[in-house]
Amino acid sequence: MAEKKTVSFEEALRELEDIAEKLERGTLSLEDSITAYERGMELKKVCSERLVDAEAKIEFLSKAPTGETVKATVKKKKEESVSKPLEEDLF
């Protein structure tokens, strides 16, 4: 198995947009379309995970009305987001 290269959110999103554009044009062969779709799904997962992590960090830095840092919500939301797939999660 190939070693996974760490890709930034911006790089993953840019590559995902390129893949979507190629698939929309319909100029790829069936095999290339399948490969591109698989790569797109990997990139979508990377982007989703990075967004969940960013949201958790923002919530962690947020303060409750009492002035206390909100910590319990972060762990719960992060676990729910990762383990619970969305129905509209198509690409």
Protein backbone atom coordinates (compact mmCIF):
# COMPACT_ATOMS: atom_id res chain seq x y z
CA MET A 1 0.00 0.00 0.00
CA ALA A 2 1.30 3.45 -0.87
CA GLU A 3 2.21 5.84 1.92
CA LYS A 4 -0.42 8.52 2.42
CA LYS A 5 0.80 12.03 1.70
CA THR A 6 -0.60 14.71 3.95
CA VAL A 7 -2.67 17.07 1.85
CA SER A 8 -3.85 20.46 3.05
CA PHE A 9 -7.55 21.25 3.04
CA GLU A 10 -7.02 23.78 0.26
CA GLU A 11 -5.07 21.31 -1.91
CA ALA A 12 -7.67 18.59 -1.39
CA LEU A 13 -10.52 20.96 -2.24
CA ARG A 14 -8.75 22.23 -5.36
CA GLU A 15 -8.07 18.68 -6.58
CA LEU A 16 -11.66 17.69 -5.78
CA GLU A 17 -12.95 20.61 -7.86
CA ASP A 18 -10.68 19.58 -10.76
CA ILE A 19 -11.98 16.01 -10.60
CA ALA A 20 -15.61 17.18 -10.52
CA GLU A 21 -14.99 19.38 -13.55
CA LYS A 22 -13.42 16.50 -15.51
CA LEU A 23 -16.28 14.17 -14.62
CA GLU A 24 -18.86 16.80 -15.62
CA ARG A 25 -17.21 17.26 -19.01
CA GLY A 26 -17.62 13.54 -19.69
CA THR A 27 -14.37 13.25 -21.61
CA LEU A 28 -12.81 10.57 -19.39
CA SER A 29 -12.98 6.89 -20.21
CA LEU A 30 -15.09 4.71 -17.93
CA GLU A 31 -12.01 3.35 -16.16
CA ASP A 32 -10.55 6.85 -15.71
CA SER A 33 -13.92 8.10 -14.45
CA ILE A 34 -14.05 5.35 -11.84
CA THR A 35 -10.48 6.09 -10.73
CA ALA A 36 -11.25 9.82 -10.56
CA TYR A 37 -14.43 9.16 -8.58
CA GLU A 38 -12.53 6.99 -6.08
CA ARG A 39 -9.90 9.71 -5.64
CA GLY A 40 -12.66 12.27 -5.23
CA MET A 41 -14.21 10.23 -2.43
CA GLU A 42 -10.83 10.06 -0.65
CA LEU A 43 -10.42 13.82 -0.98
CA LYS A 44 -13.98 14.45 0.23
CA LYS A 45 -13.21 12.42 3.33
CA VAL A 46 -10.04 14.45 3.95
CA CYS A 47 -11.98 17.72 3.60
CA SER A 48 -14.80 16.53 5.85
CA GLU A 49 -12.41 15.39 8.58
CA ARG A 50 -10.49 18.67 8.46
CA LEU A 51 -13.75 20.65 8.74
CA VAL A 52 -14.89 18.57 11.72
CA ASP A 53 -11.53 19.15 13.40
CA ALA A 54 -11.70 22.89 12.71
CA GLU A 55 -15.25 23.09 14.07
CA ALA A 56 -14.15 21.24 17.21
CA LYS A 57 -11.26 23.66 17.73
CA ILE A 58 -13.55 26.66 17.29
CA GLU A 59 -16.05 25.25 19.77
CA PHE A 60 -13.22 24.52 22.19
CA LEU A 61 -12.19 28.15 22.03
CA SER A 62 -15.77 29.34 22.49
CA LYS A 63 -16.98 30.36 25.88
CA ALA A 64 -20.25 29.49 27.56
CA PRO A 65 -22.43 32.35 28.89
CA THR A 66 -20.92 31.68 32.32
CA GLY A 67 -17.44 32.37 30.91
CA GLU A 68 -16.36 28.76 31.07
CA THR A 69 -14.75 27.13 28.06
CA VAL A 70 -17.11 24.73 26.29
CA LYS A 71 -15.26 21.40 26.22
CA ALA A 72 -17.84 18.62 26.56
CA THR A 73 -19.65 19.67 23.39
CA VAL A 74 -16.49 19.43 21.33
CA LYS A 75 -15.85 15.77 22.01
CA LYS A 76 -19.49 14.78 21.55
CA LYS A 77 -19.94 16.70 18.29
CA LYS A 78 -16.68 15.43 16.83
CA GLU A 79 -17.54 11.80 17.61
CA GLU A 80 -21.07 12.22 16.19
CA SER A 81 -19.80 13.85 12.99
CA VAL A 82 -17.22 11.16 12.30
CA SER A 83 -19.34 8.14 13.19
CA LYS A 84 -22.71 9.27 11.80
CA PRO A 85 -22.74 9.50 7.97
CA LEU A 86 -25.08 12.02 6.39
CA GLU A 87 -27.75 10.90 3.93
CA GLU A 88 -26.83 13.68 1.53
CA ASP A 89 -23.20 12.54 1.68
CA LEU A 90 -22.97 11.61 -2.02
CA PHE A 91 -19.73 13.31 -3.19
